[in-house]
Protein backbone atom coordinates (compact mmCIF):
# COMPACT_ATOMS: atom_id res chain seq x y z
CA MET A 1 44.60 -44.56 -29.36
CA SER A 2 47.04 -42.11 -30.21
CA ALA A 3 46.36 -39.25 -32.39
CA ARG A 4 49.19 -40.23 -34.63
CA PRO A 5 51.78 -42.65 -34.26
CA ALA A 6 55.85 -42.18 -34.62
CA ALA A 7 57.22 -41.48 -37.52
CA THR A 8 58.63 -45.32 -38.80
CA ALA A 9 62.15 -45.29 -38.75
CA THR A 10 62.54 -46.00 -42.67
CA ALA A 11 60.66 -42.63 -43.37
CA THR A 12 62.91 -40.63 -41.00
CA ALA A 13 65.85 -42.89 -42.53
CA SER A 14 65.22 -42.02 -45.93
CA ALA A 15 63.92 -38.20 -45.07
CA ALA A 16 67.66 -37.90 -43.68
CA VAL A 17 69.27 -39.15 -47.07
CA GLU A 18 67.00 -37.00 -48.99
CA SER A 19 67.96 -33.87 -47.54
CA ALA A 20 70.93 -34.26 -49.18
CA ASP A 21 69.31 -32.59 -52.42
CA PRO A 22 70.30 -29.07 -53.09
CA CYS A 23 67.36 -27.52 -51.54
CA CYS A 24 67.07 -26.44 -47.69
CA ALA A 25 63.86 -28.75 -47.59
CA ALA A 26 63.86 -32.77 -47.86
CA PRO A 27 60.68 -33.73 -50.02
CA LEU A 28 58.52 -35.34 -47.58
CA PRO A 29 58.35 -39.14 -47.04
CA VAL A 30 55.55 -40.92 -49.42
CA LEU A 31 54.59 -44.27 -49.96
CA GLY A 32 56.17 -46.33 -53.10
CA ARG A 33 59.03 -43.94 -52.66
CA ASP A 34 61.43 -47.36 -53.46
CA VAL A 35 59.45 -49.13 -55.71
CA THR A 36 61.25 -50.21 -58.83
CA VAL A 37 60.05 -51.17 -62.13
CA PRO A 38 61.27 -53.00 -65.15
CA LEU A 39 62.41 -51.20 -68.02
CA VAL A 40 61.62 -52.34 -71.70
CA THR A 41 65.38 -52.10 -71.71
CA GLY A 42 66.69 -54.18 -69.27
CA GLY A 43 67.16 -54.08 -65.61
CA GLU A 44 65.02 -52.04 -62.67
CA VAL A 45 64.85 -48.27 -61.87
CA THR A 46 63.04 -46.61 -58.86
CA TYR A 47 59.62 -45.03 -59.92
CA ALA A 48 59.99 -41.69 -60.55
CA ALA A 49 55.69 -40.72 -59.98
CA LEU A 50 55.66 -37.55 -61.75
CA ASP A 51 51.94 -37.40 -62.22
CA TYR A 52 50.77 -36.20 -59.15
CA ALA A 53 48.44 -33.70 -60.45
CA ALA A 54 46.37 -36.64 -61.63
CA SER A 55 46.85 -38.25 -58.09
CA ALA A 56 49.50 -37.41 -55.83
CA PRO A 57 50.90 -40.54 -53.51
CA ALA A 58 49.83 -40.98 -49.92
CA LEU A 59 52.14 -39.28 -47.36
CA GLN A 60 54.03 -42.28 -45.15
CA ARG A 61 52.31 -39.82 -42.13
CA VAL A 62 49.31 -40.60 -43.69
CA TRP A 63 49.57 -43.74 -44.09
CA ASP A 64 51.06 -44.30 -40.98
CA ASP A 65 47.91 -42.51 -39.01
CA VAL A 66 45.39 -44.39 -40.82
CA ALA A 67 47.22 -48.20 -39.94
CA ALA A 68 46.90 -46.90 -36.76
CA TYR A 69 43.38 -46.11 -36.58
CA ALA A 70 42.42 -49.45 -38.69
CA PRO A 71 41.67 -51.65 -35.22
CA TYR A 72 39.63 -48.54 -34.28
CA TYR A 73 37.01 -48.45 -36.64
CA GLY A 74 33.45 -48.32 -36.09
CA SER A 75 29.99 -47.51 -37.12
CA VAL A 76 29.96 -43.00 -37.43
CA HIS A 77 27.13 -41.35 -35.36
CA ARG A 78 25.17 -44.68 -34.84
CA GLY A 79 26.33 -46.55 -32.32
CA ALA A 80 26.96 -46.52 -28.38
CA GLY A 81 30.07 -48.78 -28.51
CA TYR A 82 33.72 -47.36 -27.91
CA LEU A 83 35.07 -47.49 -31.16
CA SER A 84 31.64 -45.97 -32.73
CA GLN A 85 32.35 -43.34 -30.05
CA LEU A 86 35.50 -42.74 -31.09
CA SER A 87 35.28 -42.63 -34.70
CA THR A 88 32.49 -40.38 -34.55
CA ASP A 89 35.11 -37.80 -32.37
CA LEU A 90 37.78 -38.48 -34.97
CA PHE A 91 35.24 -38.01 -37.64
CA GLU A 92 34.06 -34.84 -36.37
CA ASN A 93 37.46 -33.54 -35.36
CA SER A 94 38.52 -34.28 -38.49
CA ARG A 95 35.45 -31.83 -39.66
CA VAL A 96 37.32 -29.15 -37.31
CA THR A 97 40.96 -30.11 -38.71
CA VAL A 98 40.03 -29.42 -42.22
CA ALA A 99 38.17 -26.13 -41.39
CA GLU A 100 41.35 -24.98 -39.63
CA PHE A 101 43.92 -25.68 -42.45
CA LEU A 102 41.54 -23.78 -45.00
CA ASP A 103 41.04 -21.02 -42.24
CA CYS A 104 36.87 -21.02 -42.62
CA ARG A 105 34.79 -18.44 -41.34
CA PRO A 106 32.59 -18.86 -38.10
CA GLY A 107 29.67 -20.35 -39.42
CA ASP A 108 31.02 -21.82 -42.30
CA GLN A 109 30.78 -25.96 -42.75
CA VAL A 110 32.72 -28.28 -44.03
CA VAL A 111 31.32 -30.78 -46.02
CA PHE A 112 32.80 -34.67 -46.70
CA THR A 113 31.98 -35.64 -50.24
CA ARG A 114 34.07 -38.22 -52.71
CA SER A 115 36.41 -35.69 -54.87
CA THR A 116 35.89 -32.33 -55.91
CA THR A 117 33.99 -33.45 -59.05
CA ASP A 118 31.09 -34.70 -56.03
CA SER A 119 31.61 -31.16 -54.46
CA LEU A 120 30.90 -29.15 -57.41
CA ASN A 121 28.05 -31.66 -58.09
CA LEU A 122 26.78 -30.77 -54.89
CA LEU A 123 27.38 -27.35 -55.27
CA ALA A 124 25.52 -27.29 -58.47
CA GLN A 125 22.65 -29.07 -56.99
CA VAL A 126 21.62 -26.37 -54.14
CA ILE A 127 21.91 -22.79 -55.90
CA PRO A 128 19.31 -21.32 -56.17
CA ALA A 129 16.57 -20.93 -58.46
CA GLY A 130 17.39 -18.87 -61.78
CA CYS A 131 21.12 -18.68 -60.77
CA GLU A 132 23.72 -17.97 -63.70
CA VAL A 133 26.88 -20.01 -63.45
CA PHE A 134 30.13 -18.18 -64.93
CA VAL A 135 32.91 -20.02 -65.66
CA PHE A 136 36.04 -19.94 -67.92
CA GLU A 137 36.61 -22.09 -70.38
CA THR A 138 39.75 -22.94 -69.07
CA GLU A 139 38.46 -24.92 -66.42
CA HIS A 140 38.86 -28.76 -65.55
CA HIS A 141 35.68 -30.41 -66.75
CA ALA A 142 35.08 -31.10 -63.13
CA SER A 143 34.57 -27.42 -62.80
CA LEU A 144 33.18 -26.79 -66.39
CA LEU A 145 30.38 -29.76 -66.78
CA PRO A 146 28.49 -30.10 -63.08
CA TRP A 147 26.07 -26.67 -64.12
CA GLN A 148 23.67 -28.37 -66.69
CA GLY A 149 20.67 -27.43 -65.03
CA ALA A 150 21.25 -23.67 -64.33
CA ARG A 151 22.36 -21.08 -67.16
CA VAL A 152 26.08 -20.92 -67.89
CA THR A 153 27.99 -18.37 -69.67
CA TYR A 154 31.25 -19.66 -70.17
CA LEU A 155 34.16 -16.95 -70.72
CA ASN A 156 36.49 -17.52 -72.96
CA ALA A 157 40.29 -17.85 -72.04
CA PRO A 158 42.20 -14.72 -70.77
CA ARG A 159 45.64 -14.56 -71.67
CA THR A 160 46.85 -12.31 -68.38
CA PRO A 161 45.24 -12.31 -65.16
CA GLN A 162 43.97 -8.80 -65.38
CA GLN A 163 42.23 -9.81 -68.40
CA ALA A 164 40.72 -12.65 -67.00
CA VAL A 165 39.06 -10.24 -64.00
CA GLU A 166 37.99 -7.86 -66.77
CA THR A 167 36.16 -10.42 -68.34
CA LEU A 168 34.45 -11.70 -65.41
CA GLU A 169 33.74 -7.75 -64.41
CA ARG A 170 32.02 -7.13 -68.03
CA ALA A 171 30.32 -10.40 -67.99
CA LEU A 172 28.60 -9.82 -64.47
CA ALA A 173 27.78 -6.05 -65.15
CA ASP A 174 26.01 -7.25 -67.94
CA ARG A 175 23.46 -10.17 -67.17
CA ASP A 176 20.38 -10.58 -67.77
CA PRO A 177 18.11 -10.78 -65.35
CA TYR A 178 20.07 -9.41 -62.60
CA GLY A 179 19.40 -11.70 -60.59
CA PRO A 180 21.99 -14.42 -58.12
CA ALA A 181 24.87 -15.41 -59.88
CA LEU A 182 27.71 -17.76 -58.76
CA VAL A 183 31.07 -18.09 -60.04
CA CYS A 184 33.42 -20.67 -60.17
CA VAL A 185 37.13 -20.74 -61.10
CA THR A 186 40.05 -23.09 -60.70
CA GLY A 187 42.75 -21.97 -58.43
CA ALA A 188 45.68 -23.00 -59.67
CA SER A 189 45.58 -24.58 -63.68
CA ASN A 190 45.34 -29.02 -64.29
CA VAL A 191 47.55 -27.90 -67.30
CA THR A 192 49.69 -25.42 -67.07
CA GLY A 193 49.84 -25.08 -63.20
CA GLU A 194 49.66 -20.61 -63.74
CA LEU A 195 48.08 -19.67 -60.41
CA TRP A 196 44.74 -17.77 -61.33
CA PRO A 197 43.97 -13.91 -59.40
CA VAL A 198 41.51 -15.76 -57.05
CA LYS A 199 41.10 -12.63 -54.63
CA GLU A 200 40.96 -10.29 -57.27
CA LEU A 201 38.04 -12.36 -58.74
CA ALA A 202 36.27 -13.17 -55.67
CA ALA A 203 36.54 -9.07 -55.09
CA ALA A 204 34.71 -8.95 -58.69
CA ALA A 205 32.02 -11.17 -58.25
CA HIS A 206 31.39 -9.61 -54.36
CA ALA A 207 31.01 -6.29 -56.14
CA HIS A 208 28.32 -7.25 -58.82
CA GLY A 209 26.52 -9.21 -56.24
CA ALA A 210 27.81 -13.00 -57.38
CA ARG A 211 29.14 -15.68 -55.21
CA ILE A 212 32.46 -17.70 -56.18
CA VAL A 213 33.20 -21.39 -55.52
CA LEU A 214 37.11 -21.91 -55.84
CA ASP A 215 38.23 -25.44 -57.16
CA ALA A 216 41.23 -25.73 -55.05
CA ALA A 217 42.37 -29.48 -56.30
CA GLN A 218 45.63 -28.50 -57.59
CA LEU A 219 46.28 -25.14 -54.91
CA ALA A 220 45.84 -27.08 -51.85
CA PRO A 221 48.39 -29.54 -52.30
CA HIS A 222 51.21 -26.85 -53.44
CA HIS A 223 50.16 -23.66 -51.24
CA PRO A 224 48.09 -22.63 -48.21
CA VAL A 225 44.33 -21.62 -48.90
CA SER A 226 42.16 -19.22 -47.01
CA VAL A 227 38.79 -18.97 -47.48
CA ARG A 228 38.68 -15.29 -45.58
CA GLU A 229 41.72 -13.78 -46.96
CA LEU A 230 40.68 -14.76 -50.64
CA ASP A 231 37.54 -13.88 -49.79
CA VAL A 232 36.02 -17.09 -51.15
CA ASP A 233 32.39 -18.10 -50.57
CA TRP A 234 33.20 -21.80 -50.90
CA ILE A 235 36.45 -24.02 -51.56
CA ALA A 236 36.17 -27.82 -53.16
CA PHE A 237 39.48 -30.13 -53.60
CA SER A 238 40.17 -34.02 -53.15
CA GLY A 239 41.68 -35.76 -50.73
CA HIS A 240 43.42 -37.57 -53.30
CA LYS A 241 45.71 -34.80 -54.51
CA LEU A 242 46.32 -33.65 -51.08
CA TYR A 243 48.50 -37.06 -50.46
CA ALA A 244 45.10 -38.97 -49.05
CA PRO A 245 43.87 -41.15 -51.53
CA PHE A 246 41.49 -42.49 -49.88
CA GLY A 247 38.38 -41.78 -51.38
CA SER A 248 37.38 -38.65 -50.20
CA GLY A 249 36.80 -34.73 -51.09
CA VAL A 250 35.80 -31.51 -48.71
CA LEU A 251 33.39 -28.93 -50.00
CA ALA A 252 33.59 -26.11 -47.38
CA GLY A 253 31.91 -22.49 -47.07
CA ARG A 254 28.61 -20.46 -46.78
CA ALA A 255 26.08 -23.17 -44.75
CA ASP A 256 22.78 -20.46 -46.65
CA TRP A 257 22.79 -22.23 -49.91
CA LEU A 258 23.43 -25.39 -48.44
CA GLN A 259 20.59 -25.25 -45.58
CA GLU A 260 17.93 -24.05 -47.92
CA SER A 261 18.55 -27.10 -50.67
CA GLU A 262 17.56 -30.14 -50.94
CA PRO A 263 19.63 -33.06 -49.49
CA TYR A 264 21.96 -34.07 -52.47
CA LEU A 265 21.27 -37.75 -51.20
CA ALA A 266 18.30 -38.50 -49.22
CA GLY A 267 19.16 -41.56 -46.66
CA GLY A 268 19.90 -41.86 -43.03
CA GLY A 269 22.40 -39.45 -41.44
CA ALA A 270 20.72 -36.85 -43.68
CA SER A 271 17.38 -37.18 -42.09
CA LYS A 272 16.98 -35.55 -38.40
CA LYS A 273 13.38 -37.28 -38.10
CA VAL A 274 11.03 -39.37 -40.00
CA ALA A 275 7.56 -39.55 -39.17
CA ARG A 276 4.10 -41.43 -41.42
CA ARG A 277 1.52 -39.17 -41.83
CA ALA A 278 -1.71 -40.21 -41.11
CA ASP A 279 -2.47 -39.92 -44.73
CA GLY A 280 -0.18 -42.77 -45.47
CA GLY A 281 2.91 -40.50 -46.58
CA VAL A 282 6.21 -39.72 -44.51
CA ASP A 283 7.09 -36.48 -43.43
CA VAL A 284 11.06 -35.42 -42.97
CA GLU A 285 12.72 -32.90 -40.94
CA TRP A 286 16.01 -33.14 -42.74
CA HIS A 287 19.77 -31.57 -40.78
CA THR A 288 21.00 -28.05 -40.99
CA THR A 289 24.39 -28.98 -40.08
CA ALA A 290 26.92 -30.19 -43.10
CA ALA A 291 25.36 -34.05 -42.08
CA ARG A 292 22.33 -32.86 -44.17
CA HIS A 293 24.32 -33.73 -47.51
CA GLU A 294 26.43 -37.11 -46.17
CA ALA A 295 23.65 -39.08 -45.94
CA GLY A 296 24.86 -42.69 -45.59
CA SER A 297 27.70 -44.34 -44.18
CA PRO A 298 30.75 -41.90 -44.24
CA ASN A 299 34.13 -42.59 -45.23
CA VAL A 300 35.58 -41.88 -42.15
CA ILE A 301 39.05 -43.42 -43.11
CA GLY A 302 38.77 -41.15 -46.05
CA VAL A 303 38.19 -38.57 -43.87
CA TYR A 304 40.68 -38.59 -41.34
CA SER A 305 43.41 -39.08 -44.08
CA ILE A 306 42.07 -35.90 -45.25
CA ALA A 307 42.38 -34.38 -42.06
CA SER A 308 46.08 -36.11 -41.12
CA ALA A 309 47.42 -34.76 -44.72
CA CYS A 310 46.47 -31.40 -43.31
CA LYS A 311 48.19 -31.69 -40.21
CA ALA A 312 50.97 -32.75 -41.99
CA LEU A 313 51.40 -30.31 -44.57
CA THR A 314 50.84 -27.47 -41.92
CA GLU A 315 53.59 -28.44 -39.31
CA ALA A 316 56.29 -29.27 -42.83
CA GLY A 317 55.06 -25.81 -43.12
CA PHE A 318 54.02 -24.10 -46.46
CA ASP A 319 56.88 -21.84 -46.39
CA SER A 320 59.58 -24.53 -47.46
CA LEU A 321 57.67 -26.63 -49.53
CA VAL A 322 56.69 -23.73 -51.77
CA GLU A 323 60.28 -23.30 -51.42
CA ARG A 324 61.84 -26.47 -52.58
CA GLU A 325 58.92 -26.95 -55.25
CA ARG A 326 60.16 -23.43 -57.13
CA HIS A 327 63.26 -25.49 -57.01
CA LEU A 328 61.91 -27.82 -58.70
CA ILE A 329 60.19 -25.86 -61.52
CA ALA A 330 63.02 -24.13 -62.47
CA LYS A 331 64.68 -27.42 -62.71
CA VAL A 332 62.30 -28.52 -65.13
CA ARG A 333 61.82 -25.24 -66.82
CA ALA A 334 64.93 -24.59 -67.83
CA GLY A 335 65.59 -28.08 -68.56
CA LEU A 336 63.03 -28.15 -71.04
CA ALA A 337 64.03 -24.50 -72.16
CA GLU A 338 67.24 -26.19 -73.71
CA VAL A 339 65.38 -28.60 -75.87
CA PRO A 340 64.09 -26.25 -78.91
CA GLU A 341 61.51 -29.07 -79.98
CA VAL A 342 59.60 -28.05 -76.78
CA ARG A 343 56.87 -26.00 -76.21
CA VAL A 344 55.53 -25.92 -72.93
CA LEU A 345 52.24 -24.59 -72.87
CA SER A 346 50.90 -21.35 -71.08
CA LEU A 347 47.65 -18.97 -71.07
CA PHE A 348 49.86 -16.22 -68.52
CA GLY A 349 53.63 -16.15 -70.08
CA ASP A 350 56.76 -17.77 -69.09
CA ASP A 351 56.92 -15.38 -65.95
CA ALA A 352 53.22 -16.32 -64.12
CA PRO A 353 53.38 -17.77 -60.90
CA ARG A 354 52.86 -21.39 -60.86
CA VAL A 355 52.94 -25.08 -59.01
CA GLY A 356 54.40 -28.25 -60.07
CA VAL A 357 52.50 -28.59 -62.78
CA ILE A 358 54.06 -28.56 -66.73
CA SER A 359 52.22 -29.15 -69.97
CA PHE A 360 54.40 -29.53 -73.19
CA VAL A 361 54.49 -30.67 -76.73
CA VAL A 362 57.50 -32.05 -78.68
CA ASP A 363 57.73 -31.36 -82.13
CA GLY A 364 57.50 -34.55 -84.46
CA TRP A 365 56.19 -36.49 -81.44
CA ASN A 366 53.01 -38.10 -80.89
CA SER A 367 52.23 -37.11 -77.57
CA SER A 368 51.17 -40.40 -76.43
CA HIS A 369 54.21 -41.96 -77.80
CA PHE A 370 56.89 -39.53 -76.18
CA ALA A 371 54.97 -40.69 -72.79
CA ALA A 372 54.83 -43.95 -72.98
CA ALA A 373 58.98 -43.91 -73.67
CA LEU A 374 59.29 -42.43 -70.70
CA SER A 375 57.57 -45.04 -69.06
CA ALA A 376 58.69 -47.99 -70.75
CA GLU A 377 62.41 -46.75 -71.39
CA TYR A 378 62.98 -44.92 -68.04
CA GLY A 379 60.31 -45.91 -65.19
CA ILE A 380 59.08 -42.11 -65.45
CA GLY A 381 55.08 -41.71 -65.03
CA VAL A 382 53.81 -39.03 -66.85
CA ARG A 383 50.17 -37.84 -68.04
CA ASP A 384 49.31 -37.57 -71.90
CA GLY A 385 46.16 -36.24 -73.46
CA LEU A 386 43.60 -33.32 -72.59
CA PHE A 387 43.44 -33.56 -69.13
CA CYS A 388 40.07 -33.74 -68.47
CA ALA A 389 40.42 -29.54 -69.52
CA HIS A 390 39.55 -30.29 -73.29
CA PRO A 391 38.63 -26.87 -74.35
CA LEU A 392 41.61 -24.91 -72.59
CA VAL A 393 44.11 -27.90 -74.33
CA ARG A 394 42.58 -26.92 -77.96
CA THR A 395 43.22 -23.72 -77.43
CA LEU A 396 46.50 -23.57 -75.92
CA LEU A 397 47.51 -25.82 -78.87
CA GLY A 398 45.60 -23.62 -81.28
CA SER A 399 43.37 -26.48 -82.37
CA ASP A 400 40.07 -25.78 -84.43
CA PRO A 401 37.06 -27.17 -81.81
CA GLN A 402 36.18 -30.14 -84.33
CA ASP A 403 39.62 -31.21 -84.61
CA PRO A 404 39.95 -35.27 -83.60
CA GLY A 405 41.36 -35.44 -80.25
CA GLU A 406 41.16 -37.31 -76.97
CA CYS A 407 42.41 -38.25 -73.56
CA GLY A 408 44.94 -41.17 -73.71
CA ALA A 409 46.31 -42.57 -77.22
CA PRO A 410 45.01 -41.23 -80.34
CA GLU A 411 44.28 -43.26 -83.79
CA ALA A 412 47.64 -41.50 -84.95
CA GLU A 413 50.69 -43.76 -85.13
CA PRO A 414 53.72 -42.99 -82.52
CA GLY A 415 55.55 -40.02 -84.61
CA GLU A 416 52.74 -38.06 -85.79
CA ARG A 417 51.16 -35.09 -84.66
CA SER A 418 47.94 -35.75 -82.22
CA LEU A 419 45.89 -33.11 -80.81
CA ASN A 420 46.89 -33.84 -76.91
CA ALA A 421 49.81 -33.17 -74.78
CA ILE A 422 52.11 -34.01 -72.04
CA ARG A 423 52.03 -33.28 -68.60
CA VAL A 424 54.67 -33.75 -66.17
CA SER A 425 53.84 -33.15 -61.92
CA PHE A 426 55.17 -32.88 -58.90
CA GLY A 427 54.80 -31.98 -55.27
CA ALA A 428 56.13 -32.42 -52.06
CA GLY A 429 56.83 -35.58 -52.28
CA THR A 430 58.90 -35.18 -55.40
CA PRO A 431 63.09 -35.54 -55.26
CA ASP A 432 65.66 -34.04 -57.28
CA GLU A 433 66.93 -37.13 -58.70
CA HIS A 434 63.20 -37.54 -60.43
CA VAL A 435 62.64 -33.95 -62.01
CA ASP A 436 66.72 -34.71 -63.06
CA ARG A 437 65.65 -38.26 -65.05
CA PHE A 438 63.13 -36.83 -66.55
CA VAL A 439 64.88 -33.39 -67.82
CA ARG A 440 67.49 -36.15 -69.40
CA ALA A 441 64.70 -38.55 -70.80
CA VAL A 442 63.49 -35.75 -72.77
CA ARG A 443 66.64 -34.76 -73.86
CA GLU A 444 67.60 -38.05 -74.96
CA LEU A 445 64.56 -39.09 -76.89
CA VAL A 446 64.69 -35.67 -78.67
CA THR A 447 67.79 -36.35 -80.08
CA GLN A 448 68.34 -40.08 -80.11
CA GLY A 449 65.03 -41.53 -80.64
CA ALA A 450 62.99 -43.87 -78.61
CA LYS A 451 64.82 -46.44 -78.46
CA TRP A 452 61.64 -49.39 -78.56
CA GLN A 453 58.97 -49.49 -81.07
CA TYR A 454 56.01 -48.70 -79.75
CA ARG A 455 51.78 -49.50 -81.01
CA THR A 456 48.45 -48.27 -79.94
CA GLU A 457 46.36 -51.36 -77.98
CA SER A 458 42.91 -51.00 -76.50
CA GLY A 459 43.75 -46.82 -76.48
CA ARG A 460 46.50 -46.72 -75.23
CA CYS A 461 50.29 -46.67 -76.46
CA VAL A 462 52.40 -49.51 -75.45
CA PRO A 463 55.38 -51.11 -75.98
CA ALA A 464 55.53 -53.71 -78.72
CA VAL A 465 56.48 -57.00 -77.70
């Protein structure tokens, strides 16, 4: 089996057409780019997927690679047959590819998990006794919540990158007892898209004897991420946000805490030797490699898809991908700025560098109603709610912690103010037409109103029949 089949004629033709966009780089071909959806007002339109921050569409390259491998699928690490050996090589070579993509240090381990959430829960299980965890309230719940068994210090939302560093430095210096510590921080906010000063935060952590894990779920799909350059101890990310939505994630970084802890899951694959004792019990010798925390039959296709995405993004070149994304960000922000009723949410201000994630509220609109109208009347998929970052969205909206609010449609009727927001997000596969349509739709909805009636049903705002 070849490492990767040639790109299909359809993908190549599509990329050539997209190169007409007014930017030097064409969007990367993604699965579903030609899907059409019905409009409540009649007719169909090509679906504008603008919810990349939740799950990005699969790259066509990834899909092609997975399809080419699928007939050769076999058990990993467990068979003498040709397909098992081929699958094992593919699985372990994928580990090498991910390590190279992240610029890992010699000795770092790459552990395959189910997701960013799974990766951070794994790390939470291996931190040493007495370890204190420091996390900003601005984090996604995947970073905010896994540390329940440890001492956790939640830090208030900073309003500048420098304030973030200073806040962390004070908290680490004042910890009592002055024992092991771990900092968990995002690389790019899943709410505002703003980039965090990861390198500076890592330096602050290490200066105070702490370690740091980077939640790169929103960063890795948009920017190059280097373990060595950022000097972080671990990185976690998900395949489904990296154009590889097949159920795998990654935790990569220092091996010592991983090797010294009990396995995240106990079972086959994690165990090196199991023997009965004379007293009737069982002795287990666990692996010291990444396999220690990969018990059970691994998700070979999910792992391979991540490796394929890593190769595709690297070969496309992050310089051109970042340039194109900045072009799209500028379009969206300029368009929203022309609508006085729109307020874009931000921690660090308008000039802060960011990825293609923008959240906003619209005066006079329930955010769930607005998102439903974008979908039903314009064929645009965005997200509404609190984005699994409830404390941050509450802070940005200036709400009291006790104010009602939830992910999904709130109890408020369409048109009433609600404690939630709208998020538009995009990436390497987004064509200009999608963001142009989005900006036009926002303007029309605000100035002309929705063309349809909506109601809340089963927790969602939907078109009324």
